[in-house]
């Protein structure tokens, strides 16, 4: 026999399915394409800080968007990012956002 789900359970399953679709890999593909474009523009020039450059280019807008999404709530933002609130505060300060 089929078991009927409560509305809360159905929403949870629906949310999990939506998250699975969102995290399928479009961000990875976008970053990969951006890196290909960046490296193609170097024309053989050496770069020594690519790792830091990529982190800064991704981290700053990510923090900005998450802080907007959480309406400035650092506790929610840290939870959403999976980092400690103190770490979030350091990162916000690093980018002049806090």
PDB file of N, CA and C in Angstrom:
ATOM      1  N   UNK A   1       0.825  -1.189   0.000  1.00  0.00           N
ATOM      2  CA  UNK A   1       0.000   0.000   0.000  1.00  0.00           C
ATOM      3  C   UNK A   1       0.871   1.255   0.000  1.00  0.00           C
ATOM      4  N   UNK A   2       0.341   2.311  -0.609  1.00  0.00           N
ATOM      5  CA  UNK A   2       1.070   3.565  -0.669  1.00  0.00           C
ATOM      6  C   UNK A   2       0.805   4.377   0.585  1.00  0.00           C
ATOM      7  N   UNK A   3       1.860   4.963   1.094  1.00  0.00           N
ATOM      8  CA  UNK A   3       1.757   5.789   2.284  1.00  0.00           C
ATOM      9  C   UNK A   3       1.601   7.244   1.855  1.00  0.00           C
ATOM     10  N   UNK A   4       0.666   7.941   2.460  1.00  0.00           N
ATOM     11  CA  UNK A   4       0.437   9.331   2.090  1.00  0.00           C
ATOM     12  C   UNK A   4       1.408  10.219   2.867  1.00  0.00           C
ATOM     13  N   UNK A   5       2.065  11.134   2.173  1.00  0.00           N
ATOM     14  CA  UNK A   5       3.026  12.034   2.809  1.00  0.00           C
ATOM     15  C   UNK A   5       2.329  13.280   3.330  1.00  0.00           C
ATOM     16  N   UNK A   6       2.865  13.800   4.424  1.00  0.00           N
ATOM     17  CA  UNK A   6       2.357  15.076   4.929  1.00  0.00           C
ATOM     18  C   UNK A   6       2.860  16.188   4.014  1.00  0.00           C
ATOM     19  N   UNK A   7       2.253  17.341   4.123  1.00  0.00           N
ATOM     20  CA  UNK A   7       2.666  18.485   3.307  1.00  0.00           C
ATOM     21  C   UNK A   7       4.115  18.850   3.589  1.00  0.00           C
ATOM     22  N   UNK A   8       4.521  18.816   4.851  1.00  0.00           N
ATOM     23  CA  UNK A   8       5.900  19.153   5.219  1.00  0.00           C
ATOM     24  C   UNK A   8       6.886  18.174   4.595  1.00  0.00           C
ATOM     25  N   UNK A   9       6.552  16.885   4.628  1.00  0.00           N
ATOM     26  CA  UNK A   9       7.432  15.881   4.023  1.00  0.00           C
ATOM     27  C   UNK A   9       7.518  16.078   2.519  1.00  0.00           C
ATOM     28  N   UNK A  10       6.400  16.370   1.898  1.00  0.00           N
ATOM     29  CA  UNK A  10       6.379  16.587   0.448  1.00  0.00           C
ATOM     30  C   UNK A  10       7.215  17.805   0.078  1.00  0.00           C
ATOM     31  N   UNK A  11       7.119  18.874   0.876  1.00  0.00           N
ATOM     32  CA  UNK A  11       7.915  20.068   0.617  1.00  0.00           C
ATOM     33  C   UNK A  11       9.398  19.786   0.794  1.00  0.00           C
ATOM     34  N   UNK A  12       9.738  18.990   1.809  1.00  0.00           N
ATOM     35  CA  UNK A  12      11.136  18.639   2.038  1.00  0.00           C
ATOM     36  C   UNK A  12      11.684  17.854   0.861  1.00  0.00           C
ATOM     37  N   UNK A  13      10.944  16.871   0.397  1.00  0.00           N
ATOM     38  CA  UNK A  13      11.373  16.078  -0.751  1.00  0.00           C
ATOM     39  C   UNK A  13      11.490  16.973  -1.978  1.00  0.00           C
ATOM     40  N   UNK A  14      10.519  17.853  -2.173  1.00  0.00           N
ATOM     41  CA  UNK A  14      10.545  18.778  -3.299  1.00  0.00           C
ATOM     42  C   UNK A  14      11.760  19.697  -3.221  1.00  0.00           C
ATOM     43  N   UNK A  15      12.055  20.205  -2.032  1.00  0.00           N
ATOM     44  CA  UNK A  15      13.210  21.073  -1.833  1.00  0.00           C
ATOM     45  C   UNK A  15      14.501  20.335  -2.120  1.00  0.00           C
ATOM     46  N   UNK A  16      14.617  19.107  -1.630  1.00  0.00           N
ATOM     47  CA  UNK A  16      15.823  18.317  -1.885  1.00  0.00           C
ATOM     48  C   UNK A  16      16.004  18.049  -3.368  1.00  0.00           C
ATOM     49  N   UNK A  17      14.919  17.750  -4.061  1.00  0.00           N
ATOM     50  CA  UNK A  17      15.001  17.529  -5.506  1.00  0.00           C
ATOM     51  C   UNK A  17      15.441  18.807  -6.222  1.00  0.00           C
ATOM     52  N   UNK A  18      14.922  19.942  -5.806  1.00  0.00           N
ATOM     53  CA  UNK A  18      15.294  21.219  -6.419  1.00  0.00           C
ATOM     54  C   UNK A  18      16.767  21.515  -6.172  1.00  0.00           C
ATOM     55  N   UNK A  19      17.247  21.242  -4.946  1.00  0.00           N
ATOM     56  CA  UNK A  19      18.654  21.467  -4.635  1.00  0.00           C
ATOM     57  C   UNK A  19      19.545  20.567  -5.476  1.00  0.00           C
ATOM     58  N   UNK A  20      19.135  19.337  -5.689  1.00  0.00           N
ATOM     59  CA  UNK A  20      19.918  18.410  -6.504  1.00  0.00           C
ATOM     60  C   UNK A  20      20.030  18.925  -7.933  1.00  0.00           C
ATOM     61  N   UNK A  21      18.963  19.510  -8.450  1.00  0.00           N
ATOM     62  CA  UNK A  21      18.999  20.050  -9.807  1.00  0.00           C
ATOM     63  C   UNK A  21      19.870  21.299  -9.878  1.00  0.00           C
ATOM     64  N   UNK A  22      19.797  22.140  -8.861  1.00  0.00           N
ATOM     65  CA  UNK A  22      20.579  23.372  -8.840  1.00  0.00           C
ATOM     66  C   UNK A  22      22.066  23.064  -8.765  1.00  0.00           C
ATOM     67  N   UNK A  23      22.436  22.053  -8.004  1.00  0.00           N
ATOM     68  CA  UNK A  23      23.847  21.745  -7.808  1.00  0.00           C
ATOM     69  C   UNK A  23      24.361  20.708  -8.797  1.00  0.00           C
ATOM     70  N   UNK A  24      23.691  20.545  -9.904  1.00  0.00           N
ATOM     71  CA  UNK A  24      24.061  19.522 -10.876  1.00  0.00           C
ATOM     72  C   UNK A  24      25.461  19.718 -11.427  1.00  0.00           C
ATOM     73  N   UNK A  25      25.945  20.894 -11.678  1.00  0.00           N
ATOM     74  CA  UNK A  25      27.285  21.244 -12.120  1.00  0.00           C
ATOM     75  C   UNK A  25      27.336  22.504 -12.973  1.00  0.00           C
ATOM     76  N   UNK A  26      26.280  23.296 -13.046  1.00  0.00           N
ATOM     77  CA  UNK A  26      26.379  24.487 -13.894  1.00  0.00           C
ATOM     78  C   UNK A  26      27.426  25.479 -13.396  1.00  0.00           C
ATOM     79  N   UNK A  27      27.625  25.574 -12.093  1.00  0.00           N
ATOM     80  CA  UNK A  27      28.630  26.485 -11.556  1.00  0.00           C
ATOM     81  C   UNK A  27      30.019  26.016 -11.962  1.00  0.00           C
ATOM     82  N   UNK A  28      30.268  24.734 -11.833  1.00  0.00           N
ATOM     83  CA  UNK A  28      31.559  24.166 -12.216  1.00  0.00           C
ATOM     84  C   UNK A  28      31.838  24.440 -13.691  1.00  0.00           C
ATOM     85  N   UNK A  29      30.822  24.228 -14.515  1.00  0.00           N
ATOM     86  CA  UNK A  29      30.978  24.458 -15.952  1.00  0.00           C
ATOM     87  C   UNK A  29      31.267  25.925 -16.249  1.00  0.00           C
ATOM     88  N   UNK A  30      30.608  26.825 -15.532  1.00  0.00           N
ATOM     89  CA  UNK A  30      30.831  28.260 -15.729  1.00  0.00           C
ATOM     90  C   UNK A  30      32.250  28.656 -15.332  1.00  0.00           C
ATOM     91  N   UNK A  31      32.717  28.133 -14.208  1.00  0.00           N
ATOM     92  CA  UNK A  31      34.076  28.433 -13.747  1.00  0.00           C
ATOM     93  C   UNK A  31      35.094  27.881 -14.737  1.00  0.00           C
ATOM     94  N   UNK A  32      34.859  26.671 -15.197  1.00  0.00           N
ATOM     95  CA  UNK A  32      35.769  26.049 -16.161  1.00  0.00           C
ATOM     96  C   UNK A  32      35.864  26.893 -17.433  1.00  0.00           C
ATOM     97  N   UNK A  33      34.731  27.349 -17.939  1.00  0.00           N
ATOM     98  CA  UNK A  33      34.725  28.170 -19.153  1.00  0.00           C
ATOM     99  C   UNK A  33      35.425  29.501 -18.912  1.00  0.00           C
ATOM    100  N   UNK A  34      35.181  30.112 -17.760  1.00  0.00           N
ATOM    101  CA  UNK A  34      35.828  31.385 -17.438  1.00  0.00           C
ATOM    102  C   UNK A  34      37.343  31.212 -17.359  1.00  0.00           C
ATOM    103  N   UNK A  35      37.800  30.106 -16.766  1.00  0.00           N
ATOM    104  CA  UNK A  35      39.240  29.845 -16.689  1.00  0.00           C
ATOM    105  C   UNK A  35      39.838  29.606 -18.073  1.00  0.00           C
ATOM    106  N   UNK A  36      39.130  28.884 -18.916  1.00  0.00           N
ATOM    107  CA  UNK A  36      39.599  28.680 -20.294  1.00  0.00           C
ATOM    108  C   UNK A  36      39.773  30.026 -20.994  1.00  0.00           C
ATOM    109  N   UNK A  37      38.788  30.894 -20.849  1.00  0.00           N
ATOM    110  CA  UNK A  37      38.853  32.223 -21.469  1.00  0.00           C
ATOM    111  C   UNK A  37      40.024  33.032 -20.918  1.00  0.00           C
ATOM    112  N   UNK A  38      40.198  33.002 -19.607  1.00  0.00           N
ATOM    113  CA  UNK A  38      41.280  33.748 -18.961  1.00  0.00           C
ATOM    114  C   UNK A  38      42.641  33.247 -19.441  1.00  0.00           C
ATOM    115  N   UNK A  39      42.826  31.929 -19.437  1.00  0.00           N
ATOM    116  CA  UNK A  39      44.104  31.355 -19.852  1.00  0.00           C
ATOM    117  C   UNK A  39      44.379  31.617 -21.330  1.00  0.00           C
ATOM    118  N   UNK A  40      43.354  31.618 -22.137  1.00  0.00           N
ATOM    119  CA  UNK A  40      43.529  31.898 -23.568  1.00  0.00           C
ATOM    120  C   UNK A  40      44.009  33.332 -23.793  1.00  0.00           C
ATOM    121  N   UNK A  41      43.596  34.250 -22.929  1.00  0.00           N
ATOM    122  CA  UNK A  41      43.986  35.655 -23.068  1.00  0.00           C
ATOM    123  C   UNK A  41      45.405  35.933 -22.585  1.00  0.00           C
ATOM    124  N   UNK A  42      46.006  34.980 -21.876  1.00  0.00           N
ATOM    125  CA  UNK A  42      47.357  35.185 -21.349  1.00  0.00           C
ATOM    126  C   UNK A  42      48.422  35.195 -22.441  1.00  0.00           C
ATOM    127  N   UNK A  43      48.149  34.528 -23.548  1.00  0.00           N
ATOM    128  CA  UNK A  43      49.107  34.459 -24.658  1.00  0.00           C
ATOM    129  C   UNK A  43      50.491  34.000 -24.206  1.00  0.00           C
ATOM    130  N   UNK A  44      50.533  32.979 -23.360  1.00  0.00           N
ATOM    131  CA  UNK A  44      51.802  32.400 -22.927  1.00  0.00           C
ATOM    132  C   UNK A  44      52.462  33.087 -21.750  1.00  0.00           C
ATOM    133  N   UNK A  45      51.882  34.155 -21.246  1.00  0.00           N
ATOM    134  CA  UNK A  45      52.456  34.853 -20.093  1.00  0.00           C
ATOM    135  C   UNK A  45      52.322  33.991 -18.843  1.00  0.00           C
ATOM    136  N   UNK A  46      53.294  34.112 -17.948  1.00  0.00           N
ATOM    137  CA  UNK A  46      53.248  33.376 -16.687  1.00  0.00           C
ATOM    138  C   UNK A  46      52.340  34.087 -15.683  1.00  0.00           C
ATOM    139  N   UNK A  47      51.682  33.295 -14.863  1.00  0.00           N
ATOM    140  CA  UNK A  47      50.844  33.807 -13.778  1.00  0.00           C
ATOM    141  C   UNK A  47      51.257  33.067 -12.519  1.00  0.00           C
ATOM    142  N   UNK A  48      51.444  33.795 -11.418  1.00  0.00           N
ATOM    143  CA  UNK A  48      51.912  33.173 -10.177  1.00  0.00           C
ATOM    144  C   UNK A  48      50.849  33.068  -9.098  1.00  0.00           C
ATOM    145  N   UNK A  49      49.755  33.764  -9.256  1.00  0.00           N
ATOM    146  CA  UNK A  49      48.754  33.808  -8.185  1.00  0.00           C
ATOM    147  C   UNK A  49      47.361  33.413  -8.672  1.00  0.00           C
ATOM    148  N   UNK A  50      47.287  32.472  -9.580  1.00  0.00           N
ATOM    149  CA  UNK A  50      46.006  32.078 -10.164  1.00  0.00           C
ATOM    150  C   UNK A  50      45.034  31.568  -9.106  1.00  0.00           C
ATOM    151  N   UNK A  51      45.531  30.781  -8.164  1.00  0.00           N
ATOM    152  CA  UNK A  51      44.671  30.224  -7.121  1.00  0.00           C
ATOM    153  C   UNK A  51      43.996  31.341  -6.329  1.00  0.00           C
ATOM    154  N   UNK A  52      44.785  32.303  -5.846  1.00  0.00           N
ATOM    155  CA  UNK A  52      44.230  33.419  -5.074  1.00  0.00           C
ATOM    156  C   UNK A  52      43.300  34.267  -5.929  1.00  0.00           C
ATOM    157  N   UNK A  53      43.663  34.464  -7.188  1.00  0.00           N
ATOM    158  CA  UNK A  53      42.831  35.242  -8.096  1.00  0.00           C
ATOM    159  C   UNK A  53      41.453  34.606  -8.253  1.00  0.00           C
ATOM    160  N   UNK A  54      41.436  33.304  -8.480  1.00  0.00           N
ATOM    161  CA  UNK A  54      40.162  32.592  -8.660  1.00  0.00           C
ATOM    162  C   UNK A  54      39.340  32.636  -7.377  1.00  0.00           C
ATOM    163  N   UNK A  55      39.992  32.389  -6.237  1.00  0.00           N
ATOM    164  CA  UNK A  55      39.259  32.441  -4.964  1.00  0.00           C
ATOM    165  C   UNK A  55      38.632  33.810  -4.739  1.00  0.00           C
ATOM    166  N   UNK A  56      39.397  34.862  -4.977  1.00  0.00           N
ATOM    167  CA  UNK A  56      38.876  36.214  -4.763  1.00  0.00           C
ATOM    168  C   UNK A  56      37.735  36.522  -5.731  1.00  0.00           C
ATOM    169  N   UNK A  57      37.875  36.090  -6.970  1.00  0.00           N
ATOM    170  CA  UNK A  57      36.846  36.360  -7.973  1.00  0.00           C
ATOM    171  C   UNK A  57      35.539  35.629  -7.663  1.00  0.00           C
ATOM    172  N   UNK A  58      35.635  34.487  -7.016  1.00  0.00           N
ATOM    173  CA  UNK A  58      34.438  33.704  -6.696  1.00  0.00           C
ATOM    174  C   UNK A  58      33.915  34.050  -5.303  1.00  0.00           C
ATOM    175  N   UNK A  59      34.826  34.177  -4.350  1.00  0.00           N
ATOM    176  CA  UNK A  59      34.432  34.355  -2.956  1.00  0.00           C
ATOM    177  C   UNK A  59      33.701  35.676  -2.706  1.00  0.00           C
ATOM    178  N   UNK A  60      34.219  36.762  -3.240  1.00  0.00           N
ATOM    179  CA  UNK A  60      33.615  38.066  -2.975  1.00  0.00           C
ATOM    180  C   UNK A  60      32.159  38.139  -3.449  1.00  0.00           C
ATOM    181  N   UNK A  61      31.868  37.812  -4.721  1.00  0.00           N
ATOM    182  CA  UNK A  61      30.460  37.870  -5.132  1.00  0.00           C
ATOM    183  C   UNK A  61      29.585  36.840  -4.423  1.00  0.00           C
ATOM    184  N   UNK A  62      30.173  35.692  -4.065  1.00  0.00           N
ATOM    185  CA  UNK A  62      29.399  34.686  -3.340  1.00  0.00           C
ATOM    186  C   UNK A  62      28.991  35.231  -1.974  1.00  0.00           C
ATOM    187  N   UNK A  63      29.938  35.837  -1.267  1.00  0.00           N
ATOM    188  CA  UNK A  63      29.630  36.414   0.041  1.00  0.00           C
ATOM    189  C   UNK A  63      28.587  37.522  -0.098  1.00  0.00           C
ATOM    190  N   UNK A  64      28.746  38.351  -1.106  1.00  0.00           N
ATOM    191  CA  UNK A  64      27.800  39.440  -1.341  1.00  0.00           C
ATOM    192  C   UNK A  64      26.386  38.904  -1.555  1.00  0.00           C
ATOM    193  N   UNK A  65      26.258  37.916  -2.407  1.00  0.00           N
ATOM    194  CA  UNK A  65      24.934  37.365  -2.712  1.00  0.00           C
ATOM    195  C   UNK A  65      24.319  36.649  -1.505  1.00  0.00           C
ATOM    196  N   UNK A  66      25.140  35.913  -0.767  1.00  0.00           N
ATOM    197  CA  UNK A  66      24.628  35.201   0.411  1.00  0.00           C
ATOM    198  C   UNK A  66      24.195  36.200   1.482  1.00  0.00           C
ATOM    199  N   UNK A  67      24.965  37.269   1.662  1.00  0.00           N
ATOM    200  CA  UNK A  67      24.577  38.275   2.649  1.00  0.00           C
ATOM    201  C   UNK A  67      23.284  38.978   2.231  1.00  0.00           C
ATOM    202  N   UNK A  68      23.108  39.217   0.943  1.00  0.00           N
ATOM    203  CA  UNK A  68      21.844  39.787   0.468  1.00  0.00           C
ATOM    204  C   UNK A  68      20.701  38.802   0.701  1.00  0.00           C
ATOM    205  N   UNK A  69      20.938  37.544   0.368  1.00  0.00           N
ATOM    206  CA  UNK A  69      19.909  36.508   0.503  1.00  0.00           C
ATOM    207  C   UNK A  69      19.447  36.369   1.953  1.00  0.00           C
ATOM    208  N   UNK A  70      20.404  36.467   2.887  1.00  0.00           N
ATOM    209  CA  UNK A  70      20.082  36.311   4.309  1.00  0.00           C
ATOM    210  C   UNK A  70      19.758  37.648   4.972  1.00  0.00           C
ATOM    211  N   UNK A  71      19.673  38.704   4.153  1.00  0.00           N
ATOM    212  CA  UNK A  71      19.376  40.057   4.642  1.00  0.00           C
ATOM    213  C   UNK A  71      20.336  40.488   5.746  1.00  0.00           C
ATOM    214  N   UNK A  72      21.617  40.156   5.549  1.00  0.00           N
ATOM    215  CA  UNK A  72      22.650  40.577   6.484  1.00  0.00           C
ATOM    216  C   UNK A  72      22.792  39.718   7.721  1.00  0.00           C
ATOM    217  N   UNK A  73      22.029  38.656   7.832  1.00  0.00           N
ATOM    218  CA  UNK A  73      22.097  37.783   9.003  1.00  0.00           C
ATOM    219  C   UNK A  73      23.332  36.886   8.883  1.00  0.00           C
ATOM    220  N   UNK A  74      24.373  37.218   9.645  1.00  0.00           N
ATOM    221  CA  UNK A  74      25.642  36.503   9.547  1.00  0.00           C
ATOM    222  C   UNK A  74      25.541  35.060  10.025  1.00  0.00           C
ATOM    223  N   UNK A  75      24.729  34.810  11.008  1.00  0.00           N
ATOM    224  CA  UNK A  75      24.566  33.439  11.497  1.00  0.00           C
ATOM    225  C   UNK A  75      23.961  32.563  10.408  1.00  0.00           C
ATOM    226  N   UNK A  76      22.900  33.044   9.772  1.00  0.00           N
ATOM    227  CA  UNK A  76      22.282  32.283   8.670  1.00  0.00           C
ATOM    228  C   UNK A  76      23.237  32.134   7.497  1.00  0.00           C
ATOM    229  N   UNK A  77      23.964  33.209   7.186  1.00  0.00           N
ATOM    230  CA  UNK A  77      24.901  33.175   6.062  1.00  0.00           C
ATOM    231  C   UNK A  77      26.010  32.155   6.322  1.00  0.00           C
ATOM    232  N   UNK A  78      26.555  32.152   7.530  1.00  0.00           N
ATOM    233  CA  UNK A  78      27.619  31.201   7.869  1.00  0.00           C
ATOM    234  C   UNK A  78      27.112  29.772   7.772  1.00  0.00           C
ATOM    235  N   UNK A  79      25.906  29.542   8.260  1.00  0.00           N
ATOM    236  CA  UNK A  79      25.308  28.208   8.175  1.00  0.00           C
ATOM    237  C   UNK A  79      25.118  27.805   6.720  1.00  0.00           C
ATOM    238  N   UNK A  80      24.611  28.720   5.930  1.00  0.00           N
ATOM    239  CA  UNK A  80      24.382  28.452   4.512  1.00  0.00           C
ATOM    240  C   UNK A  80      25.691  28.117   3.788  1.00  0.00           C
ATOM    241  N   UNK A  81      26.768  28.812   4.158  1.00  0.00           N
ATOM    242  CA  UNK A  81      28.073  28.599   3.532  1.00  0.00           C
ATOM    243  C   UNK A  81      28.815  27.399   4.118  1.00  0.00           C
ATOM    244  N   UNK A  82      28.366  26.941   5.281  1.00  0.00           N
ATOM    245  CA  UNK A  82      29.034  25.811   5.925  1.00  0.00           C
ATOM    246  C   UNK A  82      30.337  26.200   6.591  1.00  0.00           C
ATOM    247  N   UNK A  83      30.405  27.457   7.053  1.00  0.00           N
ATOM    248  CA  UNK A  83      31.605  27.932   7.737  1.00  0.00           C
ATOM    249  C   UNK A  83      31.216  28.528   9.085  1.00  0.00           C
ATOM    250  N   UNK A  84      32.204  28.708   9.941  1.00  0.00           N
ATOM    251  CA  UNK A  84      32.027  29.312  11.249  1.00  0.00           C
ATOM    252  C   UNK A  84      31.707  30.800  11.081  1.00  0.00           C
ATOM    253  N   UNK A  85      30.892  31.351  11.969  1.00  0.00           N
ATOM    254  CA  UNK A  85      30.524  32.763  11.869  1.00  0.00           C
ATOM    255  C   UNK A  85      31.748  33.672  11.988  1.00  0.00           C
ATOM    256  N   UNK A  86      32.706  33.285  12.819  1.00  0.00           N
ATOM    257  CA  UNK A  86      33.943  34.059  12.941  1.00  0.00           C
ATOM    258  C   UNK A  86      34.720  34.092  11.628  1.00  0.00           C
ATOM    259  N   UNK A  87      34.749  32.961  10.951  1.00  0.00           N
ATOM    260  CA  UNK A  87      35.413  32.886   9.645  1.00  0.00           C
ATOM    261  C   UNK A  87      34.696  33.783   8.646  1.00  0.00           C
ATOM    262  N   UNK A  88      33.376  33.767   8.683  1.00  0.00           N
ATOM    263  CA  UNK A  88      32.600  34.630   7.793  1.00  0.00           C
ATOM    264  C   UNK A  88      32.933  36.093   8.055  1.00  0.00           C
ATOM    265  N   UNK A  89      32.993  36.475   9.323  1.00  0.00           N
ATOM    266  CA  UNK A  89      33.299  37.861   9.674  1.00  0.00           C
ATOM    267  C   UNK A  89      34.670  38.278   9.138  1.00  0.00           C
ATOM    268  N   UNK A  90      35.665  37.382   9.230  1.00  0.00           N
ATOM    269  CA  UNK A  90      37.008  37.673   8.694  1.00  0.00           C
ATOM    270  C   UNK A  90      36.957  37.875   7.185  1.00  0.00           C
ATOM    271  N   UNK A  91      36.206  37.026   6.514  1.00  0.00           N
ATOM    272  CA  UNK A  91      36.100  37.122   5.056  1.00  0.00           C
ATOM    273  C   UNK A  91      35.369  38.402   4.653  1.00  0.00           C
ATOM    274  N   UNK A  92      34.323  38.752   5.369  1.00  0.00           N
ATOM    275  CA  UNK A  92      33.599  39.988   5.079  1.00  0.00           C
ATOM    276  C   UNK A  92      34.514  41.198   5.264  1.00  0.00           C
ATOM    277  N   UNK A  93      35.315  41.179   6.319  1.00  0.00           N
ATOM    278  CA  UNK A  93      36.257  42.270   6.578  1.00  0.00           C
ATOM    279  C   UNK A  93      37.309  42.337   5.470  1.00  0.00           C
ATOM    280  N   UNK A  94      37.802  41.183   5.034  1.00  0.00           N
ATOM    281  CA  UNK A  94      38.819  41.108   3.974  1.00  0.00           C
ATOM    282  C   UNK A  94      38.355  41.827   2.711  1.00  0.00           C
ATOM    283  N   UNK A  95      37.076  41.699   2.389  1.00  0.00           N
ATOM    284  CA  UNK A  95      36.525  42.301   1.174  1.00  0.00           C
ATOM    285  C   UNK A  95      35.819  43.636   1.438  1.00  0.00           C
ATOM    286  N   UNK A  96      36.001  44.174   2.640  1.00  0.00           N
ATOM    287  CA  UNK A  96      35.403  45.465   2.972  1.00  0.00           C
ATOM    288  C   UNK A  96      33.890  45.429   3.037  1.00  0.00           C
ATOM    289  N   UNK A  97      33.370  44.295   3.465  1.00  0.00           N
ATOM    290  CA  UNK A  97      31.919  44.113   3.508  1.00  0.00           C
ATOM    291  C   UNK A  97      31.376  44.067   4.932  1.00  0.00           C
ATOM    292  N   UNK A  98      32.218  44.247   5.907  1.00  0.00           N
ATOM    293  CA  UNK A  98      31.718  44.094   7.257  1.00  0.00           C
ATOM    294  C   UNK A  98      32.381  44.930   8.207  1.00  0.00           C
TER     295      UNK A  98
END
